[in-house]
Amino acid sequence: SKAVNYYEQALLKYRGIYGHTTIHPDVANLLNSLGLAWRHLDDYRKAISYHEQALQMYKRISLHQSTARHNIAATLDNLGISWHHMSDYKKAISYHEQSLQMYRTIYGRNRAHLDIATLLNNLGKAWVHLGDYRKAMSYSEKALQMYRSILGQNTAHPD
């Protein structure tokens, strides 16, 4: 895909600028974007590889920049989605739960936010595949409640 080629070219340039082993937010963002591009091309193994690289870099960046926590949470969710597509629902749930905890730390435990609602929805979908319909319903109902509290009762939303 053209997007993958452009991202890979940009990654090479960034590594040329910052150094191959330098930890930098721009490089981490590109790695995460490459993961998303590969996921959209249904190559989930490559997606996971790039998301894992981005996650490790974001974790190192977070030691110095608290703003990296949001990127860590988003990347954990991306990993969960990719594992879901690979039918490893237990791994997907693990990543989604880590992401959910991080977003709740960022936004506040009881604050409604679209990122949290989306994660609750993702967890509901994964629990369906594992056959725990009570958990699936619980997460899905929480997601629906949160979406409605944010978007309004009658607003259409893709999730």
N, C-alpha and C. Protein backbone atom coordinates (compact mmCIF):
# COMPACT_ATOMS: atom_id res chain seq x y z
N SER A 1 0.84 -1.18 0.00
CA SER A 1 0.00 0.00 0.00
C SER A 1 0.88 1.25 0.00
N LYS A 2 0.38 2.30 -0.60
CA LYS A 2 1.13 3.55 -0.65
C LYS A 2 1.38 4.11 0.74
N ALA A 3 0.38 4.00 1.61
CA ALA A 3 0.52 4.54 2.97
C ALA A 3 1.68 3.87 3.69
N VAL A 4 1.77 2.54 3.59
CA VAL A 4 2.86 1.81 4.25
C VAL A 4 4.20 2.28 3.69
N ASN A 5 4.29 2.42 2.36
CA ASN A 5 5.54 2.87 1.75
C ASN A 5 5.93 4.26 2.25
N TYR A 6 4.98 5.16 2.31
CA TYR A 6 5.28 6.52 2.78
C TYR A 6 5.70 6.52 4.24
N TYR A 7 5.00 5.73 5.06
CA TYR A 7 5.37 5.65 6.48
C TYR A 7 6.77 5.06 6.65
N GLU A 8 7.07 4.02 5.88
CA GLU A 8 8.40 3.40 5.99
C GLU A 8 9.50 4.36 5.52
N GLN A 9 9.23 5.13 4.47
CA GLN A 9 10.20 6.14 4.03
C GLN A 9 10.40 7.20 5.10
N ALA A 10 9.31 7.64 5.70
CA ALA A 10 9.40 8.64 6.76
C ALA A 10 10.16 8.08 7.96
N LEU A 11 9.93 6.82 8.29
CA LEU A 11 10.63 6.19 9.40
C LEU A 11 12.14 6.16 9.14
N LEU A 12 12.52 5.82 7.94
CA LEU A 12 13.94 5.82 7.58
C LEU A 12 14.54 7.22 7.71
N LYS A 13 13.80 8.23 7.26
CA LYS A 13 14.29 9.61 7.36
C LYS A 13 14.41 10.04 8.82
N TYR A 14 13.39 9.73 9.62
CA TYR A 14 13.43 10.10 11.04
C TYR A 14 14.59 9.42 11.75
N ARG A 15 14.79 8.15 11.43
CA ARG A 15 15.91 7.44 12.06
C ARG A 15 17.25 8.00 11.58
N GLY A 16 17.26 8.48 10.36
CA GLY A 16 18.47 9.14 9.86
C GLY A 16 18.73 10.45 10.61
N ILE A 17 17.66 11.15 10.93
CA ILE A 17 17.78 12.42 11.65
C ILE A 17 18.09 12.20 13.12
N TYR A 18 17.31 11.34 13.77
CA TYR A 18 17.41 11.16 15.22
C TYR A 18 18.38 10.06 15.64
N GLY A 19 18.76 9.21 14.70
CA GLY A 19 19.59 8.05 15.03
C GLY A 19 18.71 6.81 15.12
N HIS A 20 19.29 5.68 14.77
CA HIS A 20 18.51 4.44 14.69
C HIS A 20 17.99 3.98 16.04
N THR A 21 18.71 4.27 17.10
CA THR A 21 18.29 3.79 18.42
C THR A 21 17.72 4.88 19.31
N THR A 22 17.60 6.09 18.79
CA THR A 22 17.09 7.20 19.59
C THR A 22 15.60 7.03 19.86
N ILE A 23 15.23 7.30 21.10
CA ILE A 23 13.83 7.25 21.50
C ILE A 23 13.24 8.64 21.25
N HIS A 24 12.26 8.73 20.36
CA HIS A 24 11.70 10.04 20.01
C HIS A 24 10.20 9.88 19.73
N PRO A 25 9.37 10.83 20.19
CA PRO A 25 7.92 10.73 19.95
C PRO A 25 7.54 10.62 18.47
N ASP A 26 8.26 11.32 17.60
CA ASP A 26 7.94 11.24 16.17
C ASP A 26 8.13 9.82 15.63
N VAL A 27 9.19 9.16 16.07
CA VAL A 27 9.45 7.79 15.64
C VAL A 27 8.37 6.86 16.20
N ALA A 28 8.03 7.04 17.48
CA ALA A 28 6.99 6.21 18.10
C ALA A 28 5.66 6.39 17.37
N ASN A 29 5.33 7.63 17.03
CA ASN A 29 4.07 7.89 16.30
C ASN A 29 4.06 7.21 14.94
N LEU A 30 5.20 7.24 14.26
CA LEU A 30 5.28 6.57 12.95
C LEU A 30 5.15 5.07 13.09
N LEU A 31 5.78 4.50 14.11
CA LEU A 31 5.66 3.05 14.35
C LEU A 31 4.20 2.68 14.59
N ASN A 32 3.52 3.49 15.38
CA ASN A 32 2.10 3.23 15.66
C ASN A 32 1.27 3.37 14.38
N SER A 33 1.57 4.38 13.56
CA SER A 33 0.86 4.57 12.29
C SER A 33 1.10 3.39 11.35
N LEU A 34 2.32 2.88 11.33
CA LEU A 34 2.61 1.69 10.51
C LEU A 34 1.78 0.50 11.01
N GLY A 35 1.66 0.37 12.31
CA GLY A 35 0.82 -0.69 12.86
C GLY A 35 -0.61 -0.57 12.40
N LEU A 36 -1.14 0.64 12.43
CA LEU A 36 -2.52 0.86 11.97
C LEU A 36 -2.66 0.56 10.49
N ALA A 37 -1.68 0.98 9.70
CA ALA A 37 -1.74 0.73 8.25
C ALA A 37 -1.73 -0.77 7.96
N TRP A 38 -0.85 -1.52 8.64
CA TRP A 38 -0.81 -2.97 8.42
C TRP A 38 -2.09 -3.63 8.91
N ARG A 39 -2.68 -3.12 10.00
CA ARG A 39 -3.94 -3.69 10.47
C ARG A 39 -5.03 -3.50 9.42
N HIS A 40 -5.07 -2.31 8.80
CA HIS A 40 -6.08 -2.05 7.77
C HIS A 40 -5.85 -2.91 6.53
N LEU A 41 -4.62 -3.41 6.36
CA LEU A 41 -4.31 -4.32 5.25
C LEU A 41 -4.46 -5.78 5.68
N ASP A 42 -4.98 -5.99 6.90
CA ASP A 42 -5.25 -7.32 7.45
C ASP A 42 -3.98 -8.14 7.71
N ASP A 43 -2.84 -7.47 7.87
CA ASP A 43 -1.61 -8.17 8.26
C ASP A 43 -1.40 -7.87 9.75
N TYR A 44 -2.08 -8.67 10.57
CA TYR A 44 -2.13 -8.38 12.00
C TYR A 44 -0.80 -8.67 12.70
N ARG A 45 -0.04 -9.61 12.21
CA ARG A 45 1.28 -9.88 12.81
C ARG A 45 2.20 -8.67 12.66
N LYS A 46 2.22 -8.10 11.46
CA LYS A 46 3.05 -6.90 11.24
C LYS A 46 2.50 -5.74 12.08
N ALA A 47 1.18 -5.63 12.14
CA ALA A 47 0.57 -4.56 12.95
C ALA A 47 1.01 -4.69 14.39
N ILE A 48 0.94 -5.90 14.93
CA ILE A 48 1.33 -6.12 16.32
C ILE A 48 2.80 -5.79 16.53
N SER A 49 3.63 -6.19 15.60
CA SER A 49 5.06 -5.90 15.71
C SER A 49 5.32 -4.40 15.80
N TYR A 50 4.71 -3.63 14.92
CA TYR A 50 4.91 -2.17 14.95
C TYR A 50 4.29 -1.55 16.20
N HIS A 51 3.12 -2.02 16.60
CA HIS A 51 2.50 -1.48 17.82
C HIS A 51 3.35 -1.79 19.06
N GLU A 52 3.94 -2.98 19.10
CA GLU A 52 4.81 -3.35 20.22
C GLU A 52 6.03 -2.43 20.27
N GLN A 53 6.62 -2.16 19.11
CA GLN A 53 7.77 -1.25 19.06
C GLN A 53 7.37 0.15 19.53
N ALA A 54 6.21 0.62 19.07
CA ALA A 54 5.73 1.94 19.48
C ALA A 54 5.48 1.96 20.99
N LEU A 55 4.86 0.90 21.51
CA LEU A 55 4.56 0.84 22.93
C LEU A 55 5.82 0.93 23.77
N GLN A 56 6.84 0.17 23.39
CA GLN A 56 8.10 0.21 24.15
C GLN A 56 8.71 1.61 24.12
N MET A 57 8.64 2.25 22.97
CA MET A 57 9.20 3.60 22.86
C MET A 57 8.38 4.59 23.68
N TYR A 58 7.05 4.51 23.59
CA TYR A 58 6.21 5.41 24.38
C TYR A 58 6.46 5.22 25.88
N LYS A 59 6.65 3.98 26.31
CA LYS A 59 6.92 3.74 27.73
C LYS A 59 8.21 4.42 28.16
N ARG A 60 9.22 4.37 27.32
CA ARG A 60 10.49 5.04 27.67
C ARG A 60 10.33 6.55 27.64
N ILE A 61 9.54 7.04 26.70
CA ILE A 61 9.29 8.49 26.62
C ILE A 61 8.52 8.96 27.84
N SER A 62 7.59 8.12 28.33
CA SER A 62 6.73 8.51 29.45
C SER A 62 7.51 8.74 30.74
N LEU A 63 8.70 8.23 30.81
CA LEU A 63 9.54 8.48 31.99
C LEU A 63 9.88 9.96 32.11
N HIS A 64 9.83 10.67 30.96
CA HIS A 64 10.19 12.09 30.93
C HIS A 64 9.03 13.00 30.55
N GLN A 65 8.00 12.43 29.91
CA GLN A 65 6.86 13.23 29.44
C GLN A 65 5.56 12.52 29.82
N SER A 66 4.80 13.14 30.69
CA SER A 66 3.55 12.51 31.11
C SER A 66 2.52 12.45 29.98
N THR A 67 2.67 13.29 28.97
CA THR A 67 1.72 13.28 27.86
C THR A 67 1.80 11.98 27.06
N ALA A 68 2.87 11.23 27.20
CA ALA A 68 3.01 9.98 26.47
C ALA A 68 2.05 8.92 26.99
N ARG A 69 1.47 9.12 28.17
CA ARG A 69 0.54 8.12 28.73
C ARG A 69 -0.65 7.90 27.81
N HIS A 70 -1.15 8.97 27.20
CA HIS A 70 -2.28 8.83 26.27
C HIS A 70 -1.88 7.95 25.09
N ASN A 71 -0.67 8.15 24.57
CA ASN A 71 -0.19 7.33 23.45
C ASN A 71 -0.03 5.88 23.86
N ILE A 72 0.40 5.64 25.10
CA ILE A 72 0.52 4.27 25.60
C ILE A 72 -0.87 3.63 25.64
N ALA A 73 -1.84 4.34 26.18
CA ALA A 73 -3.20 3.80 26.27
C ALA A 73 -3.76 3.49 24.89
N ALA A 74 -3.57 4.39 23.94
CA ALA A 74 -4.08 4.18 22.58
C ALA A 74 -3.38 2.99 21.92
N THR A 75 -2.09 2.86 22.14
CA THR A 75 -1.34 1.75 21.53
C THR A 75 -1.74 0.41 22.16
N LEU A 76 -1.99 0.40 23.46
CA LEU A 76 -2.49 -0.82 24.11
C LEU A 76 -3.83 -1.24 23.48
N ASP A 77 -4.69 -0.27 23.23
CA ASP A 77 -5.96 -0.57 22.59
C ASP A 77 -5.73 -1.09 21.17
N ASN A 78 -4.81 -0.48 20.43
CA ASN A 78 -4.50 -0.96 19.08
C ASN A 78 -4.01 -2.41 19.11
N LEU A 79 -3.19 -2.74 20.10
CA LEU A 79 -2.74 -4.12 20.24
C LEU A 79 -3.92 -5.04 20.53
N GLY A 80 -4.82 -4.60 21.39
CA GLY A 80 -6.00 -5.40 21.69
C GLY A 80 -6.83 -5.66 20.45
N ILE A 81 -7.01 -4.64 19.64
CA ILE A 81 -7.80 -4.79 18.41
C ILE A 81 -7.13 -5.78 17.46
N SER A 82 -5.82 -5.67 17.31
CA SER A 82 -5.10 -6.60 16.42
C SER A 82 -5.18 -8.03 16.93
N TRP A 83 -5.00 -8.24 18.23
CA TRP A 83 -5.13 -9.59 18.78
C TRP A 83 -6.55 -10.11 18.62
N HIS A 84 -7.53 -9.24 18.74
CA HIS A 84 -8.93 -9.62 18.51
C HIS A 84 -9.08 -10.16 17.09
N HIS A 85 -8.51 -9.45 16.12
CA HIS A 85 -8.59 -9.90 14.72
C HIS A 85 -7.87 -11.23 14.51
N MET A 86 -6.89 -11.53 15.36
CA MET A 86 -6.16 -12.80 15.26
C MET A 86 -6.87 -13.90 16.06
N SER A 87 -8.04 -13.56 16.62
CA SER A 87 -8.87 -14.49 17.41
C SER A 87 -8.23 -14.90 18.74
N ASP A 88 -7.28 -14.12 19.22
CA ASP A 88 -6.72 -14.37 20.56
C ASP A 88 -7.42 -13.38 21.51
N TYR A 89 -8.63 -13.77 21.91
CA TYR A 89 -9.49 -12.86 22.66
C TYR A 89 -8.98 -12.62 24.08
N LYS A 90 -8.31 -13.59 24.66
CA LYS A 90 -7.76 -13.39 26.00
C LYS A 90 -6.67 -12.31 25.97
N LYS A 91 -5.81 -12.38 24.96
CA LYS A 91 -4.77 -11.34 24.83
C LYS A 91 -5.41 -10.00 24.53
N ALA A 92 -6.43 -10.01 23.68
CA ALA A 92 -7.13 -8.77 23.34
C ALA A 92 -7.69 -8.14 24.61
N ILE A 93 -8.33 -8.95 25.44
CA ILE A 93 -8.92 -8.44 26.68
C ILE A 93 -7.83 -7.89 27.60
N SER A 94 -6.72 -8.58 27.68
CA SER A 94 -5.63 -8.10 28.54
C SER A 94 -5.16 -6.71 28.11
N TYR A 95 -4.95 -6.53 26.81
CA TYR A 95 -4.51 -5.21 26.32
C TYR A 95 -5.60 -4.16 26.50
N HIS A 96 -6.85 -4.52 26.22
CA HIS A 96 -7.95 -3.56 26.39
C HIS A 96 -8.09 -3.15 27.86
N GLU A 97 -7.94 -4.11 28.77
CA GLU A 97 -8.06 -3.77 30.19
C GLU A 97 -6.93 -2.84 30.64
N GLN A 98 -5.71 -3.10 30.15
CA GLN A 98 -4.59 -2.21 30.48
C GLN A 98 -4.86 -0.80 29.96
N SER A 99 -5.37 -0.73 28.74
CA SER A 99 -5.69 0.56 28.15
C SER A 99 -6.79 1.27 28.93
N LEU A 100 -7.82 0.52 29.30
CA LEU A 100 -8.93 1.08 30.07
C LEU A 100 -8.44 1.67 31.39
N GLN A 101 -7.59 0.94 32.10
CA GLN A 101 -7.08 1.43 33.37
C GLN A 101 -6.27 2.71 33.17
N MET A 102 -5.49 2.75 32.12
CA MET A 102 -4.67 3.92 31.86
C MET A 102 -5.55 5.13 31.49
N TYR A 103 -6.56 4.91 30.65
CA TYR A 103 -7.46 6.01 30.29
C TYR A 103 -8.22 6.51 31.52
N ARG A 104 -8.62 5.59 32.39
CA ARG A 104 -9.32 6.02 33.61
C ARG A 104 -8.40 6.83 34.51
N THR A 105 -7.13 6.50 34.51
CA THR A 105 -6.16 7.29 35.27
C THR A 105 -6.00 8.68 34.64
N ILE A 106 -5.98 8.73 33.33
CA ILE A 106 -5.80 10.00 32.62
C ILE A 106 -7.03 10.89 32.76
N TYR A 107 -8.22 10.32 32.48
CA TYR A 107 -9.45 11.12 32.42
C TYR A 107 -10.20 11.21 33.75
N GLY A 108 -9.89 10.31 34.66
CA GLY A 108 -10.63 10.24 35.92
C GLY A 108 -11.47 8.98 35.94
N ARG A 109 -11.50 8.34 37.05
CA ARG A 109 -12.16 7.03 37.19
C ARG A 109 -13.63 7.04 36.76
N ASN A 110 -14.35 8.10 37.09
CA ASN A 110 -15.79 8.12 36.83
C ASN A 110 -16.20 9.08 35.71
N ARG A 111 -15.23 9.59 34.97
CA ARG A 111 -15.55 10.54 33.91
C ARG A 111 -15.91 9.81 32.62
N ALA A 112 -16.97 10.24 32.01
CA ALA A 112 -17.36 9.68 30.71
C ALA A 112 -16.47 10.28 29.62
N HIS A 113 -15.93 9.42 28.79
CA HIS A 113 -15.08 9.86 27.68
C HIS A 113 -15.21 8.85 26.54
N LEU A 114 -15.15 9.34 25.30
CA LEU A 114 -15.30 8.45 24.14
C LEU A 114 -14.24 7.34 24.12
N ASP A 115 -13.01 7.65 24.52
CA ASP A 115 -11.97 6.61 24.55
C ASP A 115 -12.37 5.48 25.50
N ILE A 116 -12.91 5.83 26.64
CA ILE A 116 -13.32 4.82 27.62
C ILE A 116 -14.53 4.04 27.10
N ALA A 117 -15.50 4.74 26.52
CA ALA A 117 -16.67 4.06 25.97
C ALA A 117 -16.27 3.08 24.87
N THR A 118 -15.35 3.48 24.02
CA THR A 118 -14.88 2.60 22.94
C THR A 118 -14.21 1.36 23.51
N LEU A 119 -13.40 1.54 24.56
CA LEU A 119 -12.75 0.38 25.18
C LEU A 119 -13.76 -0.55 25.82
N LEU A 120 -14.75 0.00 26.50
CA LEU A 120 -15.80 -0.83 27.08
C LEU A 120 -16.50 -1.65 26.00
N ASN A 121 -16.75 -1.01 24.87
CA ASN A 121 -17.36 -1.69 23.72
C ASN A 121 -16.45 -2.80 23.19
N ASN A 122 -15.15 -2.51 23.06
CA ASN A 122 -14.19 -3.51 22.59
C ASN A 122 -14.13 -4.71 23.54
N LEU A 123 -14.17 -4.43 24.84
CA LEU A 123 -14.17 -5.51 25.83
C LEU A 123 -15.44 -6.35 25.71
N GLY A 124 -16.57 -5.70 25.50
CA GLY A 124 -17.82 -6.44 25.31
C GLY A 124 -17.74 -7.39 24.12
N LYS A 125 -17.20 -6.91 23.02
CA LYS A 125 -17.08 -7.75 21.82
C LYS A 125 -16.17 -8.95 22.06
N ALA A 126 -15.07 -8.73 22.77
CA ALA A 126 -14.13 -9.83 23.03
C ALA A 126 -14.76 -10.88 23.95
N TRP A 127 -15.50 -10.43 24.98
CA TRP A 127 -16.12 -11.40 25.89
C TRP A 127 -17.19 -12.22 25.19
N VAL A 128 -17.86 -11.65 24.18
CA VAL A 128 -18.82 -12.44 23.39
C VAL A 128 -18.12 -13.63 22.76
N HIS A 129 -16.94 -13.38 22.18
CA HIS A 129 -16.20 -14.46 21.51
C HIS A 129 -15.73 -15.53 22.49
N LEU A 130 -15.53 -15.17 23.74
CA LEU A 130 -15.13 -16.15 24.75
C LEU A 130 -16.34 -16.82 25.41
N GLY A 131 -17.54 -16.39 25.01
CA GLY A 131 -18.76 -17.03 25.50
C GLY A 131 -19.23 -16.57 26.86
N ASP A 132 -18.63 -15.51 27.39
CA ASP A 132 -19.10 -14.97 28.68
C ASP A 132 -20.05 -13.82 28.37
N TYR A 133 -21.32 -14.19 28.15
CA TYR A 133 -22.30 -13.23 27.69
C TYR A 133 -22.70 -12.24 28.78
N ARG A 134 -22.61 -12.64 30.03
CA ARG A 134 -22.91 -11.70 31.12
C ARG A 134 -21.89 -10.56 31.14
N LYS A 135 -20.60 -10.92 31.05
CA LYS A 135 -19.56 -9.88 31.01
C LYS A 135 -19.72 -9.04 29.75
N ALA A 136 -19.99 -9.70 28.65
CA ALA A 136 -20.16 -8.98 27.38
C ALA A 136 -21.29 -7.96 27.49
N MET A 137 -22.41 -8.39 28.05
CA MET A 137 -23.56 -7.48 28.21
C MET A 137 -23.22 -6.33 29.16
N SER A 138 -22.53 -6.65 30.23
CA SER A 138 -22.17 -5.63 31.21
C SER A 138 -21.31 -4.54 30.56
N TYR A 139 -20.26 -4.97 29.86
CA TYR A 139 -19.39 -4.00 29.19
C TYR A 139 -20.14 -3.23 28.11
N SER A 140 -20.95 -3.94 27.33
CA SER A 140 -21.68 -3.29 26.24
C SER A 140 -22.69 -2.28 26.76
N GLU A 141 -23.37 -2.63 27.85
CA GLU A 141 -24.34 -1.70 28.43
C GLU A 141 -23.64 -0.46 29.00
N LYS A 142 -22.49 -0.66 29.65
CA LYS A 142 -21.72 0.48 30.16
C LYS A 142 -21.26 1.38 29.00
N ALA A 143 -20.83 0.75 27.92
CA ALA A 143 -20.40 1.52 26.75
C ALA A 143 -21.57 2.33 26.19
N LEU A 144 -22.71 1.68 26.03
CA LEU A 144 -23.88 2.36 25.49
C LEU A 144 -24.30 3.53 26.38
N GLN A 145 -24.33 3.30 27.68
CA GLN A 145 -24.67 4.37 28.62
C GLN A 145 -23.72 5.56 28.47
N MET A 146 -22.43 5.23 28.37
CA MET A 146 -21.44 6.30 28.28
C MET A 146 -21.56 7.04 26.95
N TYR A 147 -21.73 6.29 25.86
CA TYR A 147 -21.92 6.96 24.56
C TYR A 147 -23.12 7.91 24.63
N ARG A 148 -24.22 7.43 25.20
CA ARG A 148 -25.43 8.26 25.28
C ARG A 148 -25.21 9.48 26.18
N SER A 149 -24.46 9.32 27.26
CA SER A 149 -24.22 10.47 28.15
C SER A 149 -23.34 11.52 27.48
N ILE A 150 -22.48 11.08 26.58
CA ILE A 150 -21.58 12.00 25.88
C ILE A 150 -22.24 12.59 24.64
N LEU A 151 -22.86 11.72 23.85
CA LEU A 151 -23.38 12.12 22.54
C LEU A 151 -24.85 12.50 22.55
N GLY A 152 -25.55 12.13 23.60
CA GLY A 152 -27.00 12.36 23.66
C GLY A 152 -27.73 11.07 23.36
N GLN A 153 -28.95 11.01 23.82
CA GLN A 153 -29.77 9.79 23.71
C GLN A 153 -30.03 9.37 22.26
N ASN A 154 -30.24 10.32 21.38
CA ASN A 154 -30.69 9.98 20.03
C ASN A 154 -29.65 10.21 18.93
N THR A 155 -28.40 10.41 19.34
CA THR A 155 -27.36 10.65 18.35
C THR A 155 -26.85 9.32 17.81
N ALA A 156 -26.79 9.20 16.50
CA ALA A 156 -26.25 7.98 15.87
C ALA A 156 -24.73 7.96 16.05
N HIS A 157 -24.19 6.78 16.29
CA HIS A 157 -22.74 6.61 16.43
C HIS A 157 -22.39 5.22 15.89
N PRO A 158 -21.26 5.09 15.19
CA PRO A 158 -20.92 3.80 14.55
C PRO A 158 -20.73 2.65 15.55
N ASP A 159 -20.39 2.93 16.81
CA ASP A 159 -20.19 1.86 17.78
C ASP A 159 -21.46 1.59 18.53
